[in-house]
Amino acid sequence: MTANIDINDVKHHLDTKGLTCPEPVMLLHTAVRDADVGDVIRVEATDPSTQRDIPKFCQFLGHPLLASAHEDELYIYYIRKG
């Protein structure tokens, strides 16, 4: 899933590189809780399980996953707080 994300729309950056399940999702949960409705959160991760966990998190809690990308060993997600 890809979309054009304006860098100015990103209000929060979450670096979870080097962390493994369940830490990236736990930190994302905290970031979403601290964000305002409509804010975009950029998540960077190295754990391949985030490919499954972050979309499920977004779907379950109703936060749109705007885009995701995989570059080498880096997984990037853009989530809008619903």
N, C-alpha and C. Protein backbone atom coordinates (compact mmCIF):
# COMPACT_ATOMS: atom_id res chain seq x y z
N MET A 1 0.85 -1.17 0.00
CA MET A 1 0.00 0.00 0.00
C MET A 1 0.90 1.23 0.00
N THR A 2 0.65 2.11 -0.93
CA THR A 2 1.42 3.35 -0.98
C THR A 2 0.48 4.51 -1.24
N ALA A 3 0.86 5.66 -0.83
CA ALA A 3 0.09 6.88 -1.06
C ALA A 3 1.06 8.04 -1.00
N ASN A 4 0.65 9.14 -1.58
CA ASN A 4 1.47 10.35 -1.49
C ASN A 4 1.21 10.99 -0.13
N ILE A 5 2.22 11.03 0.70
CA ILE A 5 2.12 11.62 2.03
C ILE A 5 2.91 12.92 2.02
N ASP A 6 2.27 14.01 2.34
CA ASP A 6 2.96 15.29 2.47
C ASP A 6 3.72 15.28 3.78
N ILE A 7 5.01 15.48 3.73
CA ILE A 7 5.85 15.43 4.93
C ILE A 7 5.34 16.41 5.99
N ASN A 8 4.68 17.48 5.57
CA ASN A 8 4.14 18.44 6.52
C ASN A 8 2.94 17.90 7.29
N ASP A 9 2.33 16.82 6.78
CA ASP A 9 1.20 16.18 7.47
C ASP A 9 1.67 15.32 8.63
N VAL A 10 2.93 14.92 8.62
CA VAL A 10 3.44 14.03 9.66
C VAL A 10 3.71 14.84 10.92
N LYS A 11 2.98 14.52 11.98
CA LYS A 11 3.11 15.26 13.25
C LYS A 11 3.94 14.50 14.28
N HIS A 12 4.06 13.18 14.10
CA HIS A 12 4.77 12.35 15.08
C HIS A 12 5.66 11.35 14.34
N HIS A 13 6.86 11.17 14.84
CA HIS A 13 7.81 10.21 14.28
C HIS A 13 8.11 9.19 15.37
N LEU A 14 7.93 7.92 15.04
CA LEU A 14 8.16 6.85 16.01
C LEU A 14 9.24 5.93 15.46
N ASP A 15 10.38 5.91 16.13
CA ASP A 15 11.51 5.07 15.73
C ASP A 15 11.52 3.81 16.59
N THR A 16 11.14 2.69 15.97
CA THR A 16 11.16 1.42 16.70
C THR A 16 12.21 0.47 16.12
N LYS A 17 13.16 1.03 15.39
CA LYS A 17 14.21 0.20 14.79
C LYS A 17 14.96 -0.55 15.89
N GLY A 18 15.19 -1.84 15.66
CA GLY A 18 15.91 -2.68 16.62
C GLY A 18 15.01 -3.32 17.66
N LEU A 19 13.75 -2.91 17.72
CA LEU A 19 12.82 -3.50 18.69
C LEU A 19 12.04 -4.64 18.03
N THR A 20 11.65 -5.62 18.83
CA THR A 20 10.90 -6.75 18.31
C THR A 20 9.53 -6.82 18.95
N CYS A 21 8.67 -7.60 18.33
CA CYS A 21 7.31 -7.80 18.80
C CYS A 21 7.32 -8.16 20.28
N PRO A 22 6.49 -7.52 21.06
CA PRO A 22 5.38 -6.61 20.75
C PRO A 22 5.72 -5.13 20.92
N GLU A 23 6.98 -4.80 21.12
CA GLU A 23 7.37 -3.43 21.45
C GLU A 23 6.95 -2.38 20.42
N PRO A 24 7.13 -2.60 19.10
CA PRO A 24 6.71 -1.56 18.16
C PRO A 24 5.23 -1.21 18.26
N VAL A 25 4.39 -2.21 18.42
CA VAL A 25 2.96 -1.95 18.52
C VAL A 25 2.62 -1.29 19.86
N MET A 26 3.30 -1.68 20.91
CA MET A 26 3.05 -1.04 22.21
C MET A 26 3.42 0.44 22.15
N LEU A 27 4.54 0.76 21.53
CA LEU A 27 4.94 2.16 21.39
C LEU A 27 4.00 2.92 20.46
N LEU A 28 3.53 2.25 19.42
CA LEU A 28 2.55 2.88 18.53
C LEU A 28 1.27 3.19 19.29
N HIS A 29 0.84 2.28 20.13
CA HIS A 29 -0.36 2.51 20.92
C HIS A 29 -0.21 3.77 21.77
N THR A 30 0.93 3.95 22.39
CA THR A 30 1.20 5.14 23.20
C THR A 30 1.22 6.39 22.32
N ALA A 31 1.85 6.30 21.15
CA ALA A 31 1.93 7.46 20.25
C ALA A 31 0.54 7.87 19.77
N VAL A 32 -0.30 6.90 19.46
CA VAL A 32 -1.66 7.19 19.02
C VAL A 32 -2.44 7.85 20.15
N ARG A 33 -2.28 7.34 21.35
CA ARG A 33 -2.99 7.90 22.50
C ARG A 33 -2.58 9.37 22.72
N ASP A 34 -1.32 9.70 22.49
CA ASP A 34 -0.82 11.06 22.71
C ASP A 34 -1.12 12.01 21.54
N ALA A 35 -1.49 11.46 20.38
CA ALA A 35 -1.75 12.27 19.19
C ALA A 35 -3.17 12.82 19.23
N ASP A 36 -3.37 13.87 18.45
CA ASP A 36 -4.72 14.43 18.26
C ASP A 36 -5.38 13.70 17.10
N VAL A 37 -6.70 13.66 17.10
CA VAL A 37 -7.44 13.04 16.01
C VAL A 37 -7.04 13.72 14.70
N GLY A 38 -6.72 12.91 13.71
CA GLY A 38 -6.30 13.42 12.40
C GLY A 38 -4.80 13.53 12.22
N ASP A 39 -4.04 13.48 13.31
CA ASP A 39 -2.58 13.53 13.20
C ASP A 39 -2.05 12.32 12.47
N VAL A 40 -0.97 12.52 11.72
CA VAL A 40 -0.30 11.42 11.02
C VAL A 40 0.96 11.05 11.80
N ILE A 41 1.13 9.75 12.00
CA ILE A 41 2.28 9.19 12.71
C ILE A 41 3.09 8.38 11.70
N ARG A 42 4.38 8.66 11.63
CA ARG A 42 5.30 7.87 10.80
C ARG A 42 6.02 6.91 11.73
N VAL A 43 5.97 5.63 11.39
CA VAL A 43 6.62 4.59 12.19
C VAL A 43 7.72 3.97 11.34
N GLU A 44 8.92 3.87 11.91
CA GLU A 44 10.03 3.16 11.27
C GLU A 44 10.34 1.95 12.12
N ALA A 45 10.43 0.79 11.48
CA ALA A 45 10.65 -0.46 12.20
C ALA A 45 11.58 -1.37 11.40
N THR A 46 12.21 -2.28 12.11
CA THR A 46 13.05 -3.30 11.46
C THR A 46 12.50 -4.70 11.68
N ASP A 47 11.51 -4.84 12.53
CA ASP A 47 10.93 -6.15 12.82
C ASP A 47 9.94 -6.53 11.71
N PRO A 48 10.19 -7.61 10.97
CA PRO A 48 9.29 -8.02 9.89
C PRO A 48 7.86 -8.30 10.36
N SER A 49 7.68 -8.65 11.62
CA SER A 49 6.33 -8.95 12.10
C SER A 49 5.44 -7.70 12.11
N THR A 50 6.04 -6.51 11.99
CA THR A 50 5.22 -5.30 11.93
C THR A 50 4.38 -5.28 10.65
N GLN A 51 4.81 -6.01 9.62
CA GLN A 51 4.02 -6.09 8.38
C GLN A 51 2.64 -6.68 8.64
N ARG A 52 2.54 -7.51 9.65
CA ARG A 52 1.28 -8.12 10.04
C ARG A 52 0.64 -7.32 11.19
N ASP A 53 1.46 -6.98 12.18
CA ASP A 53 0.93 -6.41 13.42
C ASP A 53 0.39 -4.99 13.28
N ILE A 54 1.08 -4.13 12.55
CA ILE A 54 0.63 -2.74 12.46
C ILE A 54 -0.66 -2.61 11.65
N PRO A 55 -0.80 -3.26 10.49
CA PRO A 55 -2.11 -3.19 9.81
C PRO A 55 -3.26 -3.75 10.65
N LYS A 56 -3.01 -4.83 11.39
CA LYS A 56 -4.05 -5.39 12.27
C LYS A 56 -4.42 -4.40 13.37
N PHE A 57 -3.41 -3.77 13.96
CA PHE A 57 -3.62 -2.76 15.00
C PHE A 57 -4.51 -1.64 14.45
N CYS A 58 -4.16 -1.14 13.26
CA CYS A 58 -4.91 -0.05 12.65
C CYS A 58 -6.36 -0.45 12.37
N GLN A 59 -6.52 -1.63 11.82
CA GLN A 59 -7.86 -2.11 11.48
C GLN A 59 -8.70 -2.30 12.74
N PHE A 60 -8.14 -2.90 13.75
CA PHE A 60 -8.87 -3.21 14.97
C PHE A 60 -9.30 -1.94 15.71
N LEU A 61 -8.42 -0.93 15.73
CA LEU A 61 -8.70 0.29 16.49
C LEU A 61 -9.25 1.44 15.65
N GLY A 62 -9.37 1.23 14.34
CA GLY A 62 -10.00 2.23 13.48
C GLY A 62 -9.13 3.41 13.12
N HIS A 63 -7.82 3.18 13.01
CA HIS A 63 -6.89 4.22 12.59
C HIS A 63 -6.45 3.90 11.16
N PRO A 64 -6.74 4.78 10.18
CA PRO A 64 -6.37 4.48 8.80
C PRO A 64 -4.86 4.34 8.61
N LEU A 65 -4.48 3.24 7.97
CA LEU A 65 -3.09 3.04 7.54
C LEU A 65 -3.00 3.68 6.16
N LEU A 66 -2.37 4.84 6.09
CA LEU A 66 -2.33 5.62 4.86
C LEU A 66 -1.38 5.04 3.84
N ALA A 67 -0.25 4.53 4.31
CA ALA A 67 0.76 4.00 3.40
C ALA A 67 1.73 3.14 4.19
N SER A 68 2.36 2.23 3.47
CA SER A 68 3.43 1.43 4.05
C SER A 68 4.45 1.15 2.96
N ALA A 69 5.69 0.99 3.39
CA ALA A 69 6.77 0.74 2.43
C ALA A 69 7.81 -0.16 3.10
N HIS A 70 8.52 -0.88 2.28
CA HIS A 70 9.59 -1.76 2.75
C HIS A 70 10.82 -1.43 1.93
N GLU A 71 11.85 -0.92 2.59
CA GLU A 71 13.09 -0.55 1.93
C GLU A 71 14.24 -1.27 2.62
N ASP A 72 14.83 -2.23 1.94
CA ASP A 72 15.88 -3.05 2.51
C ASP A 72 15.36 -3.71 3.80
N GLU A 73 15.93 -3.36 4.95
CA GLU A 73 15.50 -3.95 6.22
C GLU A 73 14.61 -3.00 7.01
N LEU A 74 14.16 -1.93 6.37
CA LEU A 74 13.36 -0.92 7.06
C LEU A 74 11.91 -0.97 6.58
N TYR A 75 11.00 -0.97 7.54
CA TYR A 75 9.56 -0.94 7.28
C TYR A 75 9.06 0.42 7.75
N ILE A 76 8.30 1.10 6.87
CA ILE A 76 7.80 2.44 7.18
C ILE A 76 6.28 2.42 7.05
N TYR A 77 5.62 3.04 8.01
CA TYR A 77 4.16 3.09 8.05
C TYR A 77 3.72 4.52 8.33
N TYR A 78 2.63 4.91 7.70
CA TYR A 78 2.00 6.20 7.97
C TYR A 78 0.57 5.92 8.43
N ILE A 79 0.27 6.33 9.64
CA ILE A 79 -1.02 6.05 10.26
C ILE A 79 -1.66 7.38 10.64
N ARG A 80 -2.95 7.52 10.33
CA ARG A 80 -3.69 8.70 10.76
C ARG A 80 -4.56 8.29 11.95
N LYS A 81 -4.48 9.07 13.03
CA LYS A 81 -5.29 8.76 14.20
C LYS A 81 -6.75 9.00 13.84
N GLY A 82 -7.56 7.96 14.04
CA GLY A 82 -9.00 8.03 13.73
C GLY A 82 -9.79 8.61 14.87
